[in-house]
Amino acid sequence: MKLDNFFAELKRRNVYKVAVAYIVAGWALAQGIAQVFPVFGVSNWIIQLIVLLIVIGFPIALVLAWAFELTPEGLKRTETADAMPEATRRKKYVWIYVVVIGGL
């Protein structure tokens, strides 16, 4: 497979968008727990465990983004979603709302 085709396929399957949304949400969660948990006397190893789980979840989210696509009918495998008519597909601007809400 050519490298250009691979990056085009990543873009088509929205893997970039999922990566950005996951990084923003993971960063916000990590900042939140780092600020709030010490106030309640939560041990540092629990904070480190949660951050580690966020990091481990990143490649899992990317694999799921590669394999599945969110459609108006729900979550579908990418091959099935590609076979759907274009009129029934949802606009692909939903990720902007996810990033903005995650940022807030």
PDB file of N, CA and C in Angstrom:
ATOM      1  N   MET A   1       0.842  -1.174   0.000  1.00  0.00           N
ATOM      2  CA  MET A   1       0.000   0.000   0.000  1.00  0.00           C
ATOM      3  C   MET A   1       0.889   1.240   0.000  1.00  0.00           C
ATOM      4  N   LYS A   2       0.546   2.199  -0.833  1.00  0.00           N
ATOM      5  CA  LYS A   2       1.304   3.439  -0.873  1.00  0.00           C
ATOM      6  C   LYS A   2       1.018   4.260   0.370  1.00  0.00           C
ATOM      7  N   LEU A   3       2.022   5.025   0.772  1.00  0.00           N
ATOM      8  CA  LEU A   3       1.883   5.846   1.963  1.00  0.00           C
ATOM      9  C   LEU A   3       0.827   6.928   1.769  1.00  0.00           C
ATOM     10  N   ASP A   4       0.742   7.499   0.562  1.00  0.00           N
ATOM     11  CA  ASP A   4      -0.271   8.520   0.290  1.00  0.00           C
ATOM     12  C   ASP A   4      -1.672   7.939   0.414  1.00  0.00           C
ATOM     13  N   ASN A   5      -1.849   6.725  -0.088  1.00  0.00           N
ATOM     14  CA  ASN A   5      -3.154   6.069   0.024  1.00  0.00           C
ATOM     15  C   ASN A   5      -3.513   5.798   1.475  1.00  0.00           C
ATOM     16  N   PHE A   6      -2.520   5.431   2.270  1.00  0.00           N
ATOM     17  CA  PHE A   6      -2.762   5.150   3.688  1.00  0.00           C
ATOM     18  C   PHE A   6      -3.252   6.393   4.408  1.00  0.00           C
ATOM     19  N   PHE A   7      -2.584   7.536   4.199  1.00  0.00           N
ATOM     20  CA  PHE A   7      -2.993   8.772   4.864  1.00  0.00           C
ATOM     21  C   PHE A   7      -4.350   9.256   4.360  1.00  0.00           C
ATOM     22  N   ALA A   8      -4.640   9.047   3.093  1.00  0.00           N
ATOM     23  CA  ALA A   8      -5.958   9.401   2.555  1.00  0.00           C
ATOM     24  C   ALA A   8      -7.037   8.525   3.187  1.00  0.00           C
ATOM     25  N   GLU A   9      -6.723   7.262   3.394  1.00  0.00           N
ATOM     26  CA  GLU A   9      -7.683   6.356   4.031  1.00  0.00           C
ATOM     27  C   GLU A   9      -7.897   6.728   5.495  1.00  0.00           C
ATOM     28  N   LEU A  10      -6.839   7.152   6.187  1.00  0.00           N
ATOM     29  CA  LEU A  10      -6.993   7.628   7.565  1.00  0.00           C
ATOM     30  C   LEU A  10      -7.941   8.818   7.618  1.00  0.00           C
ATOM     31  N   LYS A  11      -7.787   9.720   6.675  1.00  0.00           N
ATOM     32  CA  LYS A  11      -8.651  10.901   6.634  1.00  0.00           C
ATOM     33  C   LYS A  11     -10.082  10.503   6.298  1.00  0.00           C
ATOM     34  N   ARG A  12     -10.266   9.615   5.342  1.00  0.00           N
ATOM     35  CA  ARG A  12     -11.605   9.201   4.934  1.00  0.00           C
ATOM     36  C   ARG A  12     -12.344   8.507   6.070  1.00  0.00           C
ATOM     37  N   ARG A  13     -11.629   7.741   6.854  1.00  0.00           N
ATOM     38  CA  ARG A  13     -12.250   7.001   7.957  1.00  0.00           C
ATOM     39  C   ARG A  13     -12.315   7.828   9.247  1.00  0.00           C
ATOM     40  N   ASN A  14     -11.960   9.095   9.201  1.00  0.00           N
ATOM     41  CA  ASN A  14     -12.046  10.020  10.333  1.00  0.00           C
ATOM     42  C   ASN A  14     -11.133   9.656  11.498  1.00  0.00           C
ATOM     43  N   VAL A  15     -10.048   8.975  11.232  1.00  0.00           N
ATOM     44  CA  VAL A  15      -9.127   8.599  12.300  1.00  0.00           C
ATOM     45  C   VAL A  15      -8.436   9.839  12.868  1.00  0.00           C
ATOM     46  N   TYR A  16      -8.118  10.809  12.000  1.00  0.00           N
ATOM     47  CA  TYR A  16      -7.498  12.047  12.478  1.00  0.00           C
ATOM     48  C   TYR A  16      -8.420  12.778  13.447  1.00  0.00           C
ATOM     49  N   LYS A  17      -9.686  12.849  13.106  1.00  0.00           N
ATOM     50  CA  LYS A  17     -10.653  13.570  13.942  1.00  0.00           C
ATOM     51  C   LYS A  17     -10.810  12.891  15.295  1.00  0.00           C
ATOM     52  N   VAL A  18     -10.861  11.577  15.299  1.00  0.00           N
ATOM     53  CA  VAL A  18     -10.969  10.839  16.555  1.00  0.00           C
ATOM     54  C   VAL A  18      -9.716  11.054  17.396  1.00  0.00           C
ATOM     55  N   ALA A  19      -8.558  11.075  16.749  1.00  0.00           N
ATOM     56  CA  ALA A  19      -7.302  11.283  17.479  1.00  0.00           C
ATOM     57  C   ALA A  19      -7.286  12.650  18.156  1.00  0.00           C
ATOM     58  N   VAL A  20      -7.687  13.679  17.432  1.00  0.00           N
ATOM     59  CA  VAL A  20      -7.700  15.032  18.006  1.00  0.00           C
ATOM     60  C   VAL A  20      -8.712  15.117  19.143  1.00  0.00           C
ATOM     61  N   ALA A  21      -9.907  14.579  18.938  1.00  0.00           N
ATOM     62  CA  ALA A  21     -10.927  14.620  19.983  1.00  0.00           C
ATOM     63  C   ALA A  21     -10.475  13.843  21.222  1.00  0.00           C
ATOM     64  N   TYR A  22      -9.839  12.697  21.025  1.00  0.00           N
ATOM     65  CA  TYR A  22      -9.372  11.886  22.149  1.00  0.00           C
ATOM     66  C   TYR A  22      -8.271  12.608  22.916  1.00  0.00           C
ATOM     67  N   ILE A  23      -7.354  13.227  22.192  1.00  0.00           N
ATOM     68  CA  ILE A  23      -6.258  13.946  22.860  1.00  0.00           C
ATOM     69  C   ILE A  23      -6.805  15.104  23.687  1.00  0.00           C
ATOM     70  N   VAL A  24      -7.741  15.869  23.119  1.00  0.00           N
ATOM     71  CA  VAL A  24      -8.314  17.003  23.850  1.00  0.00           C
ATOM     72  C   VAL A  24      -9.070  16.519  25.079  1.00  0.00           C
ATOM     73  N   ALA A  25      -9.917  15.514  24.913  1.00  0.00           N
ATOM     74  CA  ALA A  25     -10.696  15.000  26.036  1.00  0.00           C
ATOM     75  C   ALA A  25      -9.790  14.343  27.088  1.00  0.00           C
ATOM     76  N   GLY A  26      -8.795  13.589  26.653  1.00  0.00           N
ATOM     77  CA  GLY A  26      -7.867  12.957  27.587  1.00  0.00           C
ATOM     78  C   GLY A  26      -7.050  13.968  28.364  1.00  0.00           C
ATOM     79  N   TRP A  27      -6.614  15.021  27.676  1.00  0.00           N
ATOM     80  CA  TRP A  27      -5.857  16.074  28.352  1.00  0.00           C
ATOM     81  C   TRP A  27      -6.732  16.771  29.391  1.00  0.00           C
ATOM     82  N   ALA A  28      -7.971  17.082  29.018  1.00  0.00           N
ATOM     83  CA  ALA A  28      -8.881  17.754  29.947  1.00  0.00           C
ATOM     84  C   ALA A  28      -9.171  16.869  31.159  1.00  0.00           C
ATOM     85  N   LEU A  29      -9.388  15.589  30.931  1.00  0.00           N
ATOM     86  CA  LEU A  29      -9.629  14.666  32.036  1.00  0.00           C
ATOM     87  C   LEU A  29      -8.407  14.564  32.951  1.00  0.00           C
ATOM     88  N   ALA A  30      -7.239  14.452  32.359  1.00  0.00           N
ATOM     89  CA  ALA A  30      -6.010  14.354  33.160  1.00  0.00           C
ATOM     90  C   ALA A  30      -5.794  15.621  33.986  1.00  0.00           C
ATOM     91  N   GLN A  31      -6.051  16.786  33.402  1.00  0.00           N
ATOM     92  CA  GLN A  31      -5.911  18.038  34.147  1.00  0.00           C
ATOM     93  C   GLN A  31      -6.922  18.107  35.283  1.00  0.00           C
ATOM     94  N   GLY A  32      -8.140  17.669  34.993  1.00  0.00           N
ATOM     95  CA  GLY A  32      -9.177  17.701  36.024  1.00  0.00           C
ATOM     96  C   GLY A  32      -8.858  16.811  37.206  1.00  0.00           C
ATOM     97  N   ILE A  33      -8.428  15.588  36.927  1.00  0.00           N
ATOM     98  CA  ILE A  33      -8.123  14.689  38.042  1.00  0.00           C
ATOM     99  C   ILE A  33      -6.877  15.134  38.794  1.00  0.00           C
ATOM    100  N   ALA A  34      -5.929  15.738  38.085  1.00  0.00           N
ATOM    101  CA  ALA A  34      -4.712  16.214  38.755  1.00  0.00           C
ATOM    102  C   ALA A  34      -5.012  17.370  39.697  1.00  0.00           C
ATOM    103  N   GLN A  35      -6.058  18.126  39.415  1.00  0.00           N
ATOM    104  CA  GLN A  35      -6.420  19.250  40.267  1.00  0.00           C
ATOM    105  C   GLN A  35      -7.368  18.840  41.394  1.00  0.00           C
ATOM    106  N   VAL A  36      -8.295  17.940  41.110  1.00  0.00           N
ATOM    107  CA  VAL A  36      -9.360  17.634  42.063  1.00  0.00           C
ATOM    108  C   VAL A  36      -8.993  16.497  43.020  1.00  0.00           C
ATOM    109  N   PHE A  37      -8.381  15.454  42.535  1.00  0.00           N
ATOM    110  CA  PHE A  37      -8.128  14.284  43.374  1.00  0.00           C
ATOM    111  C   PHE A  37      -7.266  14.584  44.598  1.00  0.00           C
ATOM    112  N   PRO A  38      -6.193  15.386  44.500  1.00  0.00           N
ATOM    113  CA  PRO A  38      -5.416  15.674  45.712  1.00  0.00           C
ATOM    114  C   PRO A  38      -6.227  16.390  46.795  1.00  0.00           C
ATOM    115  N   VAL A  39      -7.222  17.165  46.393  1.00  0.00           N
ATOM    116  CA  VAL A  39      -8.059  17.860  47.374  1.00  0.00           C
ATOM    117  C   VAL A  39      -8.809  16.858  48.246  1.00  0.00           C
ATOM    118  N   PHE A  40      -9.203  15.742  47.658  1.00  0.00           N
ATOM    119  CA  PHE A  40      -9.928  14.719  48.399  1.00  0.00           C
ATOM    120  C   PHE A  40      -9.014  13.649  48.988  1.00  0.00           C
ATOM    121  N   GLY A  41      -7.713  13.855  48.907  1.00  0.00           N
ATOM    122  CA  GLY A  41      -6.761  12.926  49.506  1.00  0.00           C
ATOM    123  C   GLY A  41      -6.591  11.624  48.743  1.00  0.00           C
ATOM    124  N   VAL A  42      -6.899  11.635  47.462  1.00  0.00           N
ATOM    125  CA  VAL A  42      -6.724  10.432  46.654  1.00  0.00           C
ATOM    126  C   VAL A  42      -5.231  10.219  46.412  1.00  0.00           C
ATOM    127  N   SER A  43      -4.811   8.991  46.506  1.00  0.00           N
ATOM    128  CA  SER A  43      -3.401   8.645  46.372  1.00  0.00           C
ATOM    129  C   SER A  43      -2.872   8.954  44.965  1.00  0.00           C
ATOM    130  N   ASN A  44      -1.592   9.268  44.888  1.00  0.00           N
ATOM    131  CA  ASN A  44      -0.957   9.579  43.601  1.00  0.00           C
ATOM    132  C   ASN A  44      -0.964   8.396  42.646  1.00  0.00           C
ATOM    133  N   TRP A  45      -0.887   7.177  43.162  1.00  0.00           N
ATOM    134  CA  TRP A  45      -0.857   6.034  42.261  1.00  0.00           C
ATOM    135  C   TRP A  45      -2.180   5.873  41.523  1.00  0.00           C
ATOM    136  N   ILE A  46      -3.289   6.321  42.119  1.00  0.00           N
ATOM    137  CA  ILE A  46      -4.576   6.259  41.424  1.00  0.00           C
ATOM    138  C   ILE A  46      -4.602   7.258  40.275  1.00  0.00           C
ATOM    139  N   ILE A  47      -4.065   8.443  40.512  1.00  0.00           N
ATOM    140  CA  ILE A  47      -3.976   9.458  39.451  1.00  0.00           C
ATOM    141  C   ILE A  47      -3.097   8.942  38.312  1.00  0.00           C
ATOM    142  N   GLN A  48      -1.963   8.342  38.667  1.00  0.00           N
ATOM    143  CA  GLN A  48      -1.071   7.796  37.648  1.00  0.00           C
ATOM    144  C   GLN A  48      -1.738   6.657  36.877  1.00  0.00           C
ATOM    145  N   LEU A  49      -2.529   5.839  37.551  1.00  0.00           N
ATOM    146  CA  LEU A  49      -3.236   4.747  36.895  1.00  0.00           C
ATOM    147  C   LEU A  49      -4.257   5.285  35.887  1.00  0.00           C
ATOM    148  N   ILE A  50      -4.989   6.317  36.260  1.00  0.00           N
ATOM    149  CA  ILE A  50      -5.979   6.889  35.347  1.00  0.00           C
ATOM    150  C   ILE A  50      -5.295   7.489  34.127  1.00  0.00           C
ATOM    151  N   VAL A  51      -4.196   8.200  34.323  1.00  0.00           N
ATOM    152  CA  VAL A  51      -3.458   8.766  33.188  1.00  0.00           C
ATOM    153  C   VAL A  51      -2.918   7.644  32.307  1.00  0.00           C
ATOM    154  N   LEU A  52      -2.437   6.582  32.888  1.00  0.00           N
ATOM    155  CA  LEU A  52      -1.958   5.432  32.117  1.00  0.00           C
ATOM    156  C   LEU A  52      -3.091   4.797  31.303  1.00  0.00           C
ATOM    157  N   LEU A  53      -4.276   4.682  31.893  1.00  0.00           N
ATOM    158  CA  LEU A  53      -5.424   4.146  31.166  1.00  0.00           C
ATOM    159  C   LEU A  53      -5.828   5.047  29.998  1.00  0.00           C
ATOM    160  N   ILE A  54      -5.704   6.352  30.179  1.00  0.00           N
ATOM    161  CA  ILE A  54      -5.986   7.288  29.084  1.00  0.00           C
ATOM    162  C   ILE A  54      -4.996   7.052  27.943  1.00  0.00           C
ATOM    163  N   VAL A  55      -3.737   6.895  28.270  1.00  0.00           N
ATOM    164  CA  VAL A  55      -2.701   6.671  27.257  1.00  0.00           C
ATOM    165  C   VAL A  55      -2.911   5.325  26.559  1.00  0.00           C
ATOM    166  N   ILE A  56      -3.231   4.298  27.314  1.00  0.00           N
ATOM    167  CA  ILE A  56      -3.458   2.978  26.719  1.00  0.00           C
ATOM    168  C   ILE A  56      -4.707   2.989  25.830  1.00  0.00           C
ATOM    169  N   GLY A  57      -5.692   3.784  26.188  1.00  0.00           N
ATOM    170  CA  GLY A  57      -6.926   3.850  25.412  1.00  0.00           C
ATOM    171  C   GLY A  57      -6.781   4.533  24.072  1.00  0.00           C
ATOM    172  N   PHE A  58      -5.727   5.328  23.886  1.00  0.00           N
ATOM    173  CA  PHE A  58      -5.546   6.064  22.643  1.00  0.00           C
ATOM    174  C   PHE A  58      -5.434   5.154  21.418  1.00  0.00           C
ATOM    175  N   PRO A  59      -4.532   4.168  21.393  1.00  0.00           N
ATOM    176  CA  PRO A  59      -4.479   3.301  20.210  1.00  0.00           C
ATOM    177  C   PRO A  59      -5.753   2.478  20.028  1.00  0.00           C
ATOM    178  N   ILE A  60      -6.420   2.142  21.123  1.00  0.00           N
ATOM    179  CA  ILE A  60      -7.678   1.401  21.016  1.00  0.00           C
ATOM    180  C   ILE A  60      -8.728   2.263  20.321  1.00  0.00           C
ATOM    181  N   ALA A  61      -8.785   3.547  20.682  1.00  0.00           N
ATOM    182  CA  ALA A  61      -9.741   4.460  20.042  1.00  0.00           C
ATOM    183  C   ALA A  61      -9.431   4.616  18.554  1.00  0.00           C
ATOM    184  N   LEU A  62      -8.158   4.641  18.197  1.00  0.00           N
ATOM    185  CA  LEU A  62      -7.792   4.770  16.790  1.00  0.00           C
ATOM    186  C   LEU A  62      -8.183   3.525  15.984  1.00  0.00           C
ATOM    187  N   VAL A  63      -8.001   2.357  16.568  1.00  0.00           N
ATOM    188  CA  VAL A  63      -8.392   1.117  15.886  1.00  0.00           C
ATOM    189  C   VAL A  63      -9.909   1.073  15.703  1.00  0.00           C
ATOM    190  N   LEU A  64     -10.647   1.478  16.725  1.00  0.00           N
ATOM    191  CA  LEU A  64     -12.106   1.508  16.612  1.00  0.00           C
ATOM    192  C   LEU A  64     -12.564   2.529  15.578  1.00  0.00           C
ATOM    193  N   ALA A  65     -11.865   3.670  15.495  1.00  0.00           N
ATOM    194  CA  ALA A  65     -12.206   4.678  14.490  1.00  0.00           C
ATOM    195  C   ALA A  65     -11.936   4.150  13.088  1.00  0.00           C
ATOM    196  N   TRP A  66     -10.919   3.335  12.935  1.00  0.00           N
ATOM    197  CA  TRP A  66     -10.599   2.746  11.634  1.00  0.00           C
ATOM    198  C   TRP A  66     -11.684   1.740  11.229  1.00  0.00           C
ATOM    199  N   ALA A  67     -12.167   0.957  12.173  1.00  0.00           N
ATOM    200  CA  ALA A  67     -13.076  -0.142  11.853  1.00  0.00           C
ATOM    201  C   ALA A  67     -14.541   0.266  11.786  1.00  0.00           C
ATOM    202  N   PHE A  68     -14.932   1.311  12.519  1.00  0.00           N
ATOM    203  CA  PHE A  68     -16.343   1.665  12.616  1.00  0.00           C
ATOM    204  C   PHE A  68     -16.568   3.116  12.225  1.00  0.00           C
ATOM    205  N   GLU A  69     -17.812   3.408  11.829  1.00  0.00           N
ATOM    206  CA  GLU A  69     -18.197   4.769  11.478  1.00  0.00           C
ATOM    207  C   GLU A  69     -19.554   5.058  12.102  1.00  0.00           C
ATOM    208  N   LEU A  70     -19.726   6.285  12.598  1.00  0.00           N
ATOM    209  CA  LEU A  70     -20.981   6.699  13.196  1.00  0.00           C
ATOM    210  C   LEU A  70     -21.914   7.200  12.103  1.00  0.00           C
ATOM    211  N   THR A  71     -23.076   6.564  11.964  1.00  0.00           N
ATOM    212  CA  THR A  71     -24.060   6.931  10.947  1.00  0.00           C
ATOM    213  C   THR A  71     -25.366   7.305  11.645  1.00  0.00           C
ATOM    214  N   PRO A  72     -26.321   7.878  10.918  1.00  0.00           N
ATOM    215  CA  PRO A  72     -27.620   8.180  11.556  1.00  0.00           C
ATOM    216  C   PRO A  72     -28.319   6.938  12.113  1.00  0.00           C
ATOM    217  N   GLU A  73     -28.035   5.782  11.540  1.00  0.00           N
ATOM    218  CA  GLU A  73     -28.633   4.544  12.029  1.00  0.00           C
ATOM    219  C   GLU A  73     -27.847   3.936  13.184  1.00  0.00           C
ATOM    220  N   GLY A  74     -26.767   4.540  13.570  1.00  0.00           N
ATOM    221  CA  GLY A  74     -25.951   4.038  14.666  1.00  0.00           C
ATOM    222  C   GLY A  74     -24.540   3.715  14.206  1.00  0.00           C
ATOM    223  N   LEU A  75     -23.837   2.963  15.023  1.00  0.00           N
ATOM    224  CA  LEU A  75     -22.460   2.588  14.736  1.00  0.00           C
ATOM    225  C   LEU A  75     -22.441   1.433  13.746  1.00  0.00           C
ATOM    226  N   LYS A  76     -21.711   1.600  12.647  1.00  0.00           N
ATOM    227  CA  LYS A  76     -21.644   0.570  11.598  1.00  0.00           C
ATOM    228  C   LYS A  76     -20.185   0.331  11.238  1.00  0.00           C
ATOM    229  N   ARG A  77     -19.909  -0.874  10.752  1.00  0.00           N
ATOM    230  CA  ARG A  77     -18.573  -1.151  10.229  1.00  0.00           C
ATOM    231  C   ARG A  77     -18.337  -0.236   9.045  1.00  0.00           C
ATOM    232  N   THR A  78     -17.117   0.142   8.793  1.00  0.00           N
ATOM    233  CA  THR A  78     -16.801   1.101   7.743  1.00  0.00           C
ATOM    234  C   THR A  78     -17.241   0.605   6.375  1.00  0.00           C
ATOM    235  N   GLU A  79     -17.080  -0.683   6.107  1.00  0.00           N
ATOM    236  CA  GLU A  79     -17.480  -1.216   4.808  1.00  0.00           C
ATOM    237  C   GLU A  79     -18.987  -1.072   4.597  1.00  0.00           C
ATOM    238  N   THR A  80     -19.757  -1.299   5.647  1.00  0.00           N
ATOM    239  CA  THR A  80     -21.211  -1.164   5.555  1.00  0.00           C
ATOM    240  C   THR A  80     -21.605   0.289   5.374  1.00  0.00           C
ATOM    241  N   ALA A  81     -20.949   1.176   6.098  1.00  0.00           N
ATOM    242  CA  ALA A  81     -21.256   2.598   6.003  1.00  0.00           C
ATOM    243  C   ALA A  81     -20.875   3.141   4.631  1.00  0.00           C
ATOM    244  N   ASP A  82     -19.804   2.622   4.036  1.00  0.00           N
ATOM    245  CA  ASP A  82     -19.406   3.066   2.703  1.00  0.00           C
ATOM    246  C   ASP A  82     -20.431   2.675   1.649  1.00  0.00           C
ATOM    247  N   ALA A  83     -21.143   1.574   1.871  1.00  0.00           N
ATOM    248  CA  ALA A  83     -22.125   1.109   0.906  1.00  0.00           C
ATOM    249  C   ALA A  83     -23.439   1.891   0.979  1.00  0.00           C
ATOM    250  N   MET A  84     -23.611   2.685   2.041  1.00  0.00           N
ATOM    251  CA  MET A  84     -24.845   3.460   2.196  1.00  0.00           C
ATOM    252  C   MET A  84     -24.884   4.593   1.180  1.00  0.00           C
ATOM    253  N   PRO A  85     -26.082   4.964   0.715  1.00  0.00           N
ATOM    254  CA  PRO A  85     -26.169   6.107  -0.194  1.00  0.00           C
ATOM    255  C   PRO A  85     -25.724   7.393   0.492  1.00  0.00           C
ATOM    256  N   GLU A  86     -25.174   8.289  -0.280  1.00  0.00           N
ATOM    257  CA  GLU A  86     -24.633   9.537   0.268  1.00  0.00           C
ATOM    258  C   GLU A  86     -25.716  10.383   0.935  1.00  0.00           C
ATOM    259  N   ALA A  87     -26.959  10.316   0.448  1.00  0.00           N
ATOM    260  CA  ALA A  87     -28.034  11.129   1.000  1.00  0.00           C
ATOM    261  C   ALA A  87     -28.367  10.733   2.437  1.00  0.00           C
ATOM    262  N   THR A  88     -28.158   9.472   2.800  1.00  0.00           N
ATOM    263  CA  THR A  88     -28.490   9.033   4.153  1.00  0.00           C
ATOM    264  C   THR A  88     -27.324   9.215   5.116  1.00  0.00           C
ATOM    265  N   ARG A  89     -26.187   9.555   4.610  1.00  0.00           N
ATOM    266  CA  ARG A  89     -25.029   9.768   5.475  1.00  0.00           C
ATOM    267  C   ARG A  89     -25.150  11.099   6.197  1.00  0.00           C
ATOM    268  N   ARG A  90     -24.588  11.145   7.362  1.00  0.00           N
ATOM    269  CA  ARG A  90     -24.589  12.355   8.149  1.00  0.00           C
ATOM    270  C   ARG A  90     -23.439  13.242   7.739  1.00  0.00           C
ATOM    271  N   LYS A  91     -23.585  14.526   7.934  1.00  0.00           N
ATOM    272  CA  LYS A  91     -22.479  15.451   7.667  1.00  0.00           C
ATOM    273  C   LYS A  91     -21.325  15.102   8.601  1.00  0.00           C
ATOM    274  N   LYS A  92     -20.136  15.311   8.126  1.00  0.00           N
ATOM    275  CA  LYS A  92     -18.969  14.910   8.908  1.00  0.00           C
ATOM    276  C   LYS A  92     -18.406  16.069   9.720  1.00  0.00           C
ATOM    277  N   TYR A  93     -19.278  17.003  10.083  1.00  0.00           N
ATOM    278  CA  TYR A  93     -18.840  18.137  10.885  1.00  0.00           C
ATOM    279  C   TYR A  93     -19.144  17.945  12.362  1.00  0.00           C
ATOM    280  N   VAL A  94     -19.656  16.800  12.745  1.00  0.00           N
ATOM    281  CA  VAL A  94     -19.993  16.534  14.129  1.00  0.00           C
ATOM    282  C   VAL A  94     -18.743  16.580  15.004  1.00  0.00           C
ATOM    283  N   TRP A  95     -17.608  16.207  14.476  1.00  0.00           N
ATOM    284  CA  TRP A  95     -16.374  16.172  15.258  1.00  0.00           C
ATOM    285  C   TRP A  95     -16.017  17.563  15.761  1.00  0.00           C
ATOM    286  N   ILE A  96     -16.404  18.613  15.031  1.00  0.00           N
ATOM    287  CA  ILE A  96     -16.118  19.974  15.482  1.00  0.00           C
ATOM    288  C   ILE A  96     -16.838  20.240  16.797  1.00  0.00           C
ATOM    289  N   TYR A  97     -18.084  19.809  16.882  1.00  0.00           N
ATOM    290  CA  TYR A  97     -18.846  19.996  18.105  1.00  0.00           C
ATOM    291  C   TYR A  97     -18.234  19.193  19.254  1.00  0.00           C
ATOM    292  N   VAL A  98     -17.766  18.005  18.974  1.00  0.00           N
ATOM    293  CA  VAL A  98     -17.137  17.178  20.003  1.00  0.00           C
ATOM    294  C   VAL A  98     -15.884  17.859  20.547  1.00  0.00           C
ATOM    295  N   VAL A  99     -15.075  18.409  19.671  1.00  0.00           N
ATOM    296  CA  VAL A  99     -13.841  19.070  20.089  1.00  0.00           C
ATOM    297  C   VAL A  99     -14.157  20.334  20.893  1.00  0.00           C
ATOM    298  N   VAL A 100     -15.127  21.119  20.442  1.00  0.00           N
ATOM    299  CA  VAL A 100     -15.475  22.355  21.154  1.00  0.00           C
ATOM    300  C   VAL A 100     -16.032  22.040  22.535  1.00  0.00           C
ATOM    301  N   ILE A 101     -16.949  21.068  22.612  1.00  0.00           N
ATOM    302  CA  ILE A 101     -17.516  20.706  23.913  1.00  0.00           C
ATOM    303  C   ILE A 101     -16.440  20.109  24.813  1.00  0.00           C
ATOM    304  N   GLY A 102     -15.580  19.270  24.251  1.00  0.00           N
ATOM    305  CA  GLY A 102     -14.473  18.710  25.044  1.00  0.00           C
ATOM    306  C   GLY A 102     -13.512  19.790  25.534  1.00  0.00           C
ATOM    307  N   GLY A 103     -13.279  20.800  24.691  1.00  0.00           N
ATOM    308  CA  GLY A 103     -12.406  21.903  25.083  1.00  0.00           C
ATOM    309  C   GLY A 103     -12.978  22.750  26.211  1.00  0.00           C
ATOM    310  N   LEU A 104     -14.315  22.914  26.166  1.00  0.00           N
ATOM    311  CA  LEU A 104     -14.966  23.704  27.221  1.00  0.00           C
ATOM    312  C   LEU A 104     -14.930  22.962  28.531  1.00  0.00           C
TER     313      LEU A 104
END
